[in-house]
Amino acid sequence: MTDLVSVAKLAGVSRATAARAFSDPHLLKESTLQRVLAASDQLGFRPNHIARQLRTQNSTTLGVLLPSLLNPVFAQQLQAMERQARLAGFGLLVATSDYQAEREAAIVEHMLRQRVAGL
């Protein structure tokens, strides 16, 4: 697994510039951005969103708790939620409770510990 320092070195930029390519790409010259992205692709680099979340204290994950996915209504709702979340730049953490209240409480606690942006 490669790291951001390796990407920066291959692209001929600083670590800060390489990081900016993933967090604020509009701040870079197009040629610089393309060099960083090409280096990233070549090395198979994937930005660590968890590390970014820790640094910024901002999550792009929403928690979704459903009683079951066997009911087509819940499955349709989940699909709609995922579509809207994706359009807004969020991902989903999905769990089902099987209609068990104690399981629901445990899932909610787990999601809150994951620091979801919304539940």
Protein backbone atom coordinates (compact mmCIF):
# COMPACT_ATOMS: atom_id res chain seq x y z
CA MET A 1 0.00 0.00 0.00
CA THR A 2 1.38 3.38 -0.97
CA ASP A 3 1.21 6.67 0.90
CA LEU A 4 0.79 10.32 0.05
CA VAL A 5 4.52 11.04 0.41
CA SER A 6 5.25 8.52 -2.37
CA VAL A 7 2.63 10.14 -4.60
CA ALA A 8 4.10 13.58 -3.95
CA LYS A 9 7.62 12.39 -4.71
CA LEU A 10 6.59 10.74 -7.99
CA ALA A 11 4.59 13.83 -9.03
CA GLY A 12 7.43 16.18 -8.09
CA VAL A 13 5.37 18.18 -5.60
CA SER A 14 5.26 18.67 -1.84
CA ARG A 15 3.18 16.43 0.40
CA ALA A 16 0.88 19.42 1.09
CA THR A 17 0.29 19.94 -2.63
CA ALA A 18 -0.45 16.24 -3.13
CA ALA A 19 -2.92 16.36 -0.22
CA ARG A 20 -4.57 19.44 -1.70
CA ALA A 21 -5.15 17.53 -4.94
CA PHE A 22 -7.59 15.32 -3.04
CA SER A 23 -9.09 17.80 -0.59
CA ASP A 24 -9.21 21.05 -2.59
CA PRO A 25 -8.29 20.26 -6.21
CA HIS A 26 -9.67 23.58 -7.45
CA LEU A 27 -6.75 25.32 -5.70
CA LEU A 28 -4.14 23.67 -7.93
CA LYS A 29 -3.03 24.43 -11.46
CA GLU A 30 -4.54 21.90 -13.83
CA SER A 31 -1.11 20.59 -14.84
CA THR A 32 -0.11 20.05 -11.20
CA LEU A 33 -3.40 18.33 -10.41
CA GLN A 34 -2.99 16.01 -13.39
CA ARG A 35 0.57 15.07 -12.32
CA VAL A 36 -0.61 14.20 -8.80
CA LEU A 37 -3.59 12.20 -10.06
CA ALA A 38 -1.41 10.34 -12.57
CA ALA A 39 1.09 9.49 -9.82
CA SER A 40 -1.77 8.39 -7.60
CA ASP A 41 -3.13 6.10 -10.31
CA GLN A 42 0.30 4.69 -11.09
CA LEU A 43 0.96 3.86 -7.43
CA GLY A 44 -2.58 2.72 -6.64
CA PHE A 45 -2.97 5.36 -3.94
CA ARG A 46 -6.35 5.84 -2.28
CA PRO A 47 -6.90 8.79 0.06
CA ASN A 48 -7.64 7.78 3.65
CA HIS A 49 -11.04 9.30 4.37
CA ILE A 50 -10.95 8.17 7.98
CA ALA A 51 -7.72 10.09 8.58
CA ARG A 52 -9.24 13.14 6.93
CA GLN A 53 -12.35 12.80 9.09
CA LEU A 54 -10.17 12.72 12.22
CA ARG A 55 -8.21 15.77 11.10
CA THR A 56 -11.21 17.86 10.03
CA GLN A 57 -13.73 16.51 12.56
CA ASN A 58 -16.15 16.31 9.63
CA SER A 59 -17.76 13.09 8.39
CA THR A 60 -19.18 12.30 4.98
CA THR A 61 -20.91 9.15 6.19
CA LEU A 62 -24.58 8.90 7.09
CA GLY A 63 -25.97 6.09 9.21
CA VAL A 64 -29.10 4.27 8.07
CA LEU A 65 -30.89 1.86 10.37
CA LEU A 66 -33.71 -0.20 8.89
CA PRO A 67 -35.74 -2.95 10.51
CA SER A 68 -35.26 -5.25 7.50
CA LEU A 69 -34.40 -5.29 3.83
CA LEU A 70 -36.86 -8.10 3.14
CA ASN A 71 -39.69 -5.59 2.93
CA PRO A 72 -39.54 -4.01 -0.54
CA VAL A 73 -40.62 -0.65 0.88
CA PHE A 74 -37.48 -0.44 3.03
CA ALA A 75 -35.29 -1.54 0.12
CA GLN A 76 -36.78 1.18 -2.08
CA GLN A 77 -36.28 3.77 0.66
CA LEU A 78 -32.66 2.70 1.05
CA GLN A 79 -32.05 3.03 -2.67
CA ALA A 80 -33.52 6.55 -2.66
CA MET A 81 -31.46 7.53 0.40
CA GLU A 82 -28.27 6.23 -1.20
CA ARG A 83 -28.93 8.14 -4.40
CA GLN A 84 -29.53 11.44 -2.59
CA ALA A 85 -26.58 10.91 -0.25
CA ARG A 86 -24.26 10.23 -3.19
CA LEU A 87 -25.43 13.39 -4.96
CA ALA A 88 -24.60 15.35 -1.80
CA GLY A 89 -21.15 13.75 -1.47
CA PHE A 90 -22.02 11.31 1.32
CA GLY A 91 -21.78 7.57 1.72
CA LEU A 92 -24.01 5.34 3.81
CA LEU A 93 -23.34 3.00 6.69
CA VAL A 94 -26.32 0.62 6.63
CA ALA A 95 -27.55 -1.82 9.28
CA THR A 96 -30.72 -3.78 9.97
CA SER A 97 -32.20 -4.52 13.38
CA ASP A 98 -34.53 -7.43 12.56
CA TYR A 99 -37.18 -5.52 14.54
CA GLN A 100 -35.23 -6.05 17.79
CA ALA A 101 -35.19 -3.01 20.09
CA GLU A 102 -31.97 -4.01 21.89
CA ARG A 103 -30.24 -4.52 18.55
CA GLU A 104 -31.44 -1.09 17.39
CA ALA A 105 -29.91 0.53 20.48
CA ALA A 106 -26.58 -1.26 19.88
CA ILE A 107 -26.54 -0.25 16.22
CA VAL A 108 -27.30 3.39 17.03
CA GLU A 109 -24.48 3.41 19.58
CA HIS A 110 -22.09 1.83 17.07
CA MET A 111 -22.97 4.37 14.39
CA LEU A 112 -22.56 7.28 16.77
CA ARG A 113 -19.12 5.95 17.74
CA GLN A 114 -18.31 5.87 14.02
CA ARG A 115 -19.06 9.60 14.06
CA VAL A 116 -21.64 9.51 11.30
CA ALA A 117 -22.72 12.96 10.15
CA GLY A 118 -26.38 12.01 10.54
CA LEU A 119 -28.47 9.02 11.47
